[in-house]
Amino acid sequence: MITLFHRAKMRSTRFIFGRLERGPYLLGERFSALDVLYGTTFALFAGSPLLPPSQDVSRYVERVTSRPAFQRAARLDA
């Protein structure tokens, strides 16, 4: 079971990291709901062993979390 989970996690990680090598957002040049989901999740897990270190992901998290809507939501959540 763990091996199956690990393989699935590695496949999805490679896919996501590959997408971020090609553009600023997961669907290319346009920000989407997919970026809200993954960008905020990656922000939560930054520095965790669950998320391998990556400059592309770090820059992606910065792009997502610096958006005005994210900043407003963060202020409301504080």
N, C-alpha and C. Protein backbone atom coordinates (compact mmCIF):
# COMPACT_ATOMS: atom_id res chain seq x y z
N MET A 1 0.82 -1.20 0.00
CA MET A 1 0.00 0.00 0.00
C MET A 1 0.87 1.26 0.00
N ILE A 2 1.87 1.29 0.88
CA ILE A 2 2.73 2.48 0.95
C ILE A 2 3.50 2.64 -0.35
N THR A 3 3.96 1.55 -0.93
CA THR A 3 4.69 1.62 -2.19
C THR A 3 3.80 2.19 -3.28
N LEU A 4 2.56 1.76 -3.35
CA LEU A 4 1.62 2.27 -4.33
C LEU A 4 1.40 3.78 -4.13
N PHE A 5 1.21 4.18 -2.87
CA PHE A 5 1.05 5.61 -2.57
C PHE A 5 2.31 6.39 -2.96
N HIS A 6 3.46 5.85 -2.63
CA HIS A 6 4.73 6.53 -2.93
C HIS A 6 4.89 6.71 -4.44
N ARG A 7 4.58 5.68 -5.21
CA ARG A 7 4.70 5.78 -6.67
C ARG A 7 3.75 6.83 -7.23
N ALA A 8 2.52 6.84 -6.73
CA ALA A 8 1.53 7.83 -7.19
C ALA A 8 1.99 9.24 -6.84
N LYS A 9 2.52 9.41 -5.64
CA LYS A 9 3.00 10.72 -5.20
C LYS A 9 4.17 11.17 -6.08
N MET A 10 5.07 10.27 -6.39
CA MET A 10 6.22 10.63 -7.22
C MET A 10 5.79 10.99 -8.64
N ARG A 11 4.83 10.26 -9.19
CA ARG A 11 4.33 10.59 -10.54
C ARG A 11 3.68 11.96 -10.56
N SER A 12 2.84 12.23 -9.56
CA SER A 12 2.16 13.53 -9.55
C SER A 12 3.16 14.66 -9.28
N THR A 13 4.14 14.43 -8.43
CA THR A 13 5.16 15.44 -8.16
C THR A 13 5.95 15.75 -9.42
N ARG A 14 6.35 14.73 -10.15
CA ARG A 14 7.09 14.95 -11.40
C ARG A 14 6.24 15.73 -12.40
N PHE A 15 4.96 15.40 -12.48
CA PHE A 15 4.07 16.10 -13.40
C PHE A 15 3.96 17.58 -13.04
N ILE A 16 3.68 17.86 -11.76
CA ILE A 16 3.53 19.24 -11.31
C ILE A 16 4.83 20.02 -11.49
N PHE A 17 5.94 19.43 -11.07
CA PHE A 17 7.22 20.12 -11.21
C PHE A 17 7.53 20.37 -12.69
N GLY A 18 7.19 19.43 -13.55
CA GLY A 18 7.41 19.60 -14.98
C GLY A 18 6.58 20.75 -15.54
N ARG A 19 5.35 20.87 -15.08
CA ARG A 19 4.51 21.98 -15.53
C ARG A 19 5.11 23.32 -15.11
N LEU A 20 5.64 23.38 -13.92
CA LEU A 20 6.20 24.64 -13.42
C LEU A 20 7.51 25.01 -14.09
N GLU A 21 8.19 24.04 -14.69
CA GLU A 21 9.40 24.34 -15.46
C GLU A 21 9.05 25.06 -16.76
N ARG A 22 7.81 24.86 -17.25
CA ARG A 22 7.41 25.40 -18.55
C ARG A 22 6.66 26.72 -18.48
N GLY A 23 6.15 27.08 -17.33
CA GLY A 23 5.38 28.32 -17.27
C GLY A 23 5.16 28.77 -15.85
N PRO A 24 4.64 29.98 -15.70
CA PRO A 24 4.48 30.53 -14.35
C PRO A 24 3.37 29.84 -13.54
N TYR A 25 2.39 29.26 -14.23
CA TYR A 25 1.28 28.61 -13.55
C TYR A 25 1.06 27.22 -14.11
N LEU A 26 0.28 26.42 -13.45
CA LEU A 26 0.13 25.02 -13.84
C LEU A 26 -0.52 24.84 -15.21
N LEU A 27 -1.36 25.78 -15.62
CA LEU A 27 -1.97 25.70 -16.94
C LEU A 27 -1.31 26.63 -17.94
N GLY A 28 -0.11 27.08 -17.62
CA GLY A 28 0.63 27.95 -18.54
C GLY A 28 0.70 29.37 -18.03
N GLU A 29 0.25 30.30 -18.85
CA GLU A 29 0.35 31.72 -18.52
C GLU A 29 -0.80 32.22 -17.66
N ARG A 30 -1.90 31.47 -17.61
CA ARG A 30 -3.09 31.93 -16.89
C ARG A 30 -3.20 31.31 -15.51
N PHE A 31 -3.47 32.15 -14.53
CA PHE A 31 -3.73 31.70 -13.16
C PHE A 31 -5.11 31.04 -13.14
N SER A 32 -5.23 29.91 -12.42
CA SER A 32 -6.50 29.18 -12.38
C SER A 32 -6.78 28.65 -10.98
N ALA A 33 -7.95 28.06 -10.82
CA ALA A 33 -8.31 27.45 -9.54
C ALA A 33 -7.32 26.35 -9.16
N LEU A 34 -6.74 25.71 -10.15
CA LEU A 34 -5.72 24.70 -9.89
C LEU A 34 -4.53 25.31 -9.14
N ASP A 35 -4.18 26.54 -9.49
CA ASP A 35 -3.08 27.22 -8.81
C ASP A 35 -3.45 27.60 -7.38
N VAL A 36 -4.72 27.93 -7.15
CA VAL A 36 -5.17 28.22 -5.79
C VAL A 36 -4.98 26.96 -4.93
N LEU A 37 -5.41 25.82 -5.47
CA LEU A 37 -5.31 24.56 -4.73
C LEU A 37 -3.86 24.17 -4.46
N TYR A 38 -3.07 24.09 -5.53
CA TYR A 38 -1.69 23.63 -5.36
C TYR A 38 -0.78 24.68 -4.73
N GLY A 39 -0.93 25.92 -5.12
CA GLY A 39 -0.07 26.97 -4.58
C GLY A 39 -0.21 27.12 -3.08
N THR A 40 -1.44 27.10 -2.58
CA THR A 40 -1.63 27.24 -1.13
C THR A 40 -1.20 25.97 -0.40
N THR A 41 -1.41 24.82 -1.02
CA THR A 41 -0.95 23.56 -0.40
C THR A 41 0.57 23.54 -0.32
N PHE A 42 1.23 23.92 -1.41
CA PHE A 42 2.69 23.96 -1.39
C PHE A 42 3.20 24.98 -0.37
N ALA A 43 2.50 26.08 -0.21
CA ALA A 43 2.90 27.08 0.79
C ALA A 43 2.82 26.48 2.20
N LEU A 44 1.79 25.69 2.45
CA LEU A 44 1.64 25.07 3.77
C LEU A 44 2.73 24.03 4.05
N PHE A 45 3.14 23.32 3.00
CA PHE A 45 4.10 22.23 3.18
C PHE A 45 5.53 22.62 2.87
N ALA A 46 5.79 23.89 2.61
CA ALA A 46 7.15 24.35 2.33
C ALA A 46 8.07 23.97 3.49
N GLY A 47 9.20 23.38 3.18
CA GLY A 47 10.15 22.96 4.21
C GLY A 47 9.84 21.61 4.82
N SER A 48 8.73 21.02 4.44
CA SER A 48 8.35 19.71 4.96
C SER A 48 9.02 18.62 4.13
N PRO A 49 9.31 17.48 4.74
CA PRO A 49 9.86 16.37 3.95
C PRO A 49 8.86 15.82 2.93
N LEU A 50 7.60 16.20 3.05
CA LEU A 50 6.59 15.75 2.10
C LEU A 50 6.69 16.46 0.76
N LEU A 51 7.36 17.62 0.74
CA LEU A 51 7.49 18.39 -0.49
C LEU A 51 8.98 18.56 -0.80
N PRO A 52 9.46 17.87 -1.83
CA PRO A 52 10.89 17.99 -2.15
C PRO A 52 11.26 19.44 -2.48
N PRO A 53 12.43 19.88 -2.09
CA PRO A 53 12.85 21.26 -2.38
C PRO A 53 12.98 21.49 -3.88
N SER A 54 12.52 22.65 -4.32
CA SER A 54 12.58 23.00 -5.73
C SER A 54 12.50 24.52 -5.87
N GLN A 55 13.43 25.08 -6.63
CA GLN A 55 13.40 26.52 -6.89
C GLN A 55 12.14 26.90 -7.66
N ASP A 56 11.74 26.06 -8.60
CA ASP A 56 10.53 26.34 -9.38
C ASP A 56 9.31 26.41 -8.47
N VAL A 57 9.22 25.48 -7.53
CA VAL A 57 8.07 25.47 -6.62
C VAL A 57 8.14 26.68 -5.68
N SER A 58 9.32 27.01 -5.21
CA SER A 58 9.46 28.18 -4.32
C SER A 58 9.02 29.46 -5.04
N ARG A 59 9.43 29.61 -6.27
CA ARG A 59 9.02 30.80 -7.04
C ARG A 59 7.52 30.77 -7.32
N TYR A 60 6.98 29.60 -7.58
CA TYR A 60 5.55 29.43 -7.82
C TYR A 60 4.75 29.84 -6.58
N VAL A 61 5.17 29.35 -5.42
CA VAL A 61 4.49 29.71 -4.16
C VAL A 61 4.55 31.22 -3.96
N GLU A 62 5.67 31.83 -4.26
CA GLU A 62 5.80 33.28 -4.13
C GLU A 62 4.82 34.00 -5.06
N ARG A 63 4.71 33.52 -6.30
CA ARG A 63 3.76 34.14 -7.25
C ARG A 63 2.32 34.01 -6.74
N VAL A 64 1.97 32.84 -6.24
CA VAL A 64 0.60 32.60 -5.78
C VAL A 64 0.29 33.41 -4.52
N THR A 65 1.20 33.36 -3.55
CA THR A 65 0.93 34.02 -2.27
C THR A 65 1.10 35.53 -2.31
N SER A 66 1.69 36.06 -3.38
CA SER A 66 1.82 37.51 -3.49
C SER A 66 0.64 38.14 -4.24
N ARG A 67 -0.27 37.32 -4.73
CA ARG A 67 -1.44 37.85 -5.43
C ARG A 67 -2.33 38.62 -4.45
N PRO A 68 -2.93 39.70 -4.88
CA PRO A 68 -3.76 40.53 -3.99
C PRO A 68 -4.88 39.75 -3.28
N ALA A 69 -5.55 38.86 -3.97
CA ALA A 69 -6.64 38.10 -3.34
C ALA A 69 -6.11 37.20 -2.23
N PHE A 70 -4.94 36.60 -2.44
CA PHE A 70 -4.35 35.77 -1.40
C PHE A 70 -4.00 36.63 -0.19
N GLN A 71 -3.42 37.79 -0.44
CA GLN A 71 -3.05 38.69 0.65
C GLN A 71 -4.27 39.13 1.46
N ARG A 72 -5.37 39.44 0.78
CA ARG A 72 -6.61 39.83 1.49
C ARG A 72 -7.12 38.67 2.32
N ALA A 73 -7.14 37.47 1.76
CA ALA A 73 -7.63 36.31 2.50
C ALA A 73 -6.73 36.03 3.71
N ALA A 74 -5.42 36.18 3.54
CA ALA A 74 -4.51 35.96 4.66
C ALA A 74 -4.74 36.95 5.79
N ARG A 75 -5.01 38.20 5.44
CA ARG A 75 -5.30 39.20 6.47
C ARG A 75 -6.58 38.86 7.22
N LEU A 76 -7.60 38.41 6.50
CA LEU A 76 -8.87 38.04 7.14
C LEU A 76 -8.71 36.81 8.03
N ASP A 77 -7.79 35.93 7.67
CA ASP A 77 -7.59 34.69 8.41
C ASP A 77 -6.70 34.89 9.63
N ALA A 78 -6.00 36.00 9.70
CA ALA A 78 -5.06 36.24 10.80
C ALA A 78 -5.75 36.49 12.13
